[in-house]
């Protein structure tokens, strides 16, 4: 997300103190934009989400992790749907 914010604002933003627990992707993006002194308009939130999606593959390659039991099957089922785009934040970004 930090790379997406940097592309959007031209500045690096530390998100480590930002509490995102229990928030939707929309709310997370709203809080991030507010932290960057940007209005959390629908246009700005959608732009931040697009930039996040753009940079996500390269950022995942930098991380070490593992897949929890059952997640692979869930993701394979979701992949068949055209109305769902599963991401790392909360997985609740929908596309048309």
Protein backbone atom coordinates (compact mmCIF):
# COMPACT_ATOMS: atom_id res chain seq x y z
CA UNK A 1 0.00 0.00 0.00
CA UNK A 2 2.90 2.35 0.73
CA UNK A 3 4.06 2.17 -2.90
CA UNK A 4 0.55 3.04 -4.12
CA UNK A 5 0.40 6.01 -1.76
CA UNK A 6 3.83 7.19 -2.88
CA UNK A 7 2.70 7.09 -6.52
CA UNK A 8 -0.51 8.93 -5.67
CA UNK A 9 0.98 11.63 -3.43
CA UNK A 10 4.65 11.73 -4.33
CA UNK A 11 5.51 11.18 -0.64
CA UNK A 12 6.31 8.19 1.53
CA UNK A 13 3.75 7.57 4.29
CA UNK A 14 4.24 5.46 7.40
CA UNK A 15 1.12 3.36 7.99
CA UNK A 16 2.47 1.34 10.91
CA UNK A 17 0.38 3.21 13.52
CA UNK A 18 -2.82 3.15 11.47
CA UNK A 19 -5.39 0.76 13.00
CA UNK A 20 -7.11 -1.12 10.17
CA UNK A 21 -8.60 -4.01 12.16
CA UNK A 22 -12.20 -4.74 11.22
CA UNK A 23 -12.37 -2.08 8.50
CA UNK A 24 -13.51 -2.58 4.93
CA UNK A 25 -11.11 -1.79 2.10
CA UNK A 26 -13.09 1.40 1.45
CA UNK A 27 -12.65 2.51 5.08
CA UNK A 28 -8.97 1.57 5.08
CA UNK A 29 -8.40 3.66 1.95
CA UNK A 30 -10.40 6.54 3.47
CA UNK A 31 -8.21 6.57 6.58
CA UNK A 32 -5.04 6.36 4.52
CA UNK A 33 -6.13 9.28 2.35
CA UNK A 34 -7.01 11.33 5.43
CA UNK A 35 -3.58 10.56 6.90
CA UNK A 36 -2.10 11.91 3.65
CA UNK A 37 -4.26 15.07 3.92
CA UNK A 38 -6.34 14.06 0.90
CA UNK A 39 -10.13 14.06 0.74
CA UNK A 40 -11.50 10.51 0.89
CA UNK A 41 -13.72 11.02 -2.14
CA UNK A 42 -14.94 8.08 -4.19
CA UNK A 43 -12.58 9.12 -6.99
CA UNK A 44 -9.54 9.22 -4.67
CA UNK A 45 -10.42 5.92 -3.02
CA UNK A 46 -10.87 4.20 -6.38
CA UNK A 47 -7.57 5.66 -7.63
CA UNK A 48 -5.75 4.40 -4.52
CA UNK A 49 -7.30 0.95 -4.93
CA UNK A 50 -6.24 0.82 -8.61
CA UNK A 51 -2.68 1.76 -7.68
CA UNK A 52 -2.68 -0.83 -4.90
CA UNK A 53 -3.82 -3.51 -7.37
CA UNK A 54 -1.17 -2.37 -9.86
CA UNK A 55 1.69 -2.72 -7.34
CA UNK A 56 0.43 -5.77 -5.44
CA UNK A 57 2.15 -8.50 -7.54
CA UNK A 58 5.61 -6.93 -7.23
CA UNK A 59 5.15 -6.31 -3.49
CA UNK A 60 4.06 -9.89 -2.82
CA UNK A 61 7.28 -11.15 -4.41
CA UNK A 62 9.20 -9.26 -1.71
CA UNK A 63 7.39 -11.01 1.15
CA UNK A 64 7.83 -14.47 2.61
CA UNK A 65 4.69 -16.22 3.68
CA UNK A 66 2.58 -19.33 3.49
CA UNK A 67 -0.96 -20.29 2.53
CA UNK A 68 -3.36 -21.23 5.33
CA UNK A 69 -5.31 -24.49 5.09
CA UNK A 70 -8.37 -24.20 2.83
CA UNK A 71 -7.45 -20.80 1.41
CA UNK A 72 -6.18 -22.14 -1.90
CA UNK A 73 -9.54 -23.85 -2.58
CA UNK A 74 -11.50 -20.73 -1.62
CA UNK A 75 -9.39 -18.57 -3.93
CA UNK A 76 -9.77 -21.06 -6.79
CA UNK A 77 -13.56 -20.88 -6.38
CA UNK A 78 -13.53 -17.08 -6.25
CA UNK A 79 -11.37 -16.95 -9.36
CA UNK A 80 -14.34 -18.26 -11.36
CA UNK A 81 -16.43 -15.21 -10.38
CA UNK A 82 -16.26 -12.07 -12.49
CA UNK A 83 -17.78 -9.82 -9.82
CA UNK A 84 -15.11 -10.41 -7.15
CA UNK A 85 -11.48 -9.28 -7.01
CA UNK A 86 -9.75 -10.78 -4.00
CA UNK A 87 -6.89 -8.75 -2.54
CA UNK A 88 -4.66 -8.85 0.50
CA UNK A 89 -6.21 -6.04 2.58
CA UNK A 90 -9.60 -7.57 3.26
CA UNK A 91 -10.39 -9.18 -0.06
CA UNK A 92 -13.56 -7.17 -0.40
CA UNK A 93 -12.92 -5.04 -3.47
CA UNK A 94 -15.54 -5.62 -6.14
CA UNK A 95 -15.11 -4.84 -9.82
CA UNK A 96 -17.68 -4.53 -12.56
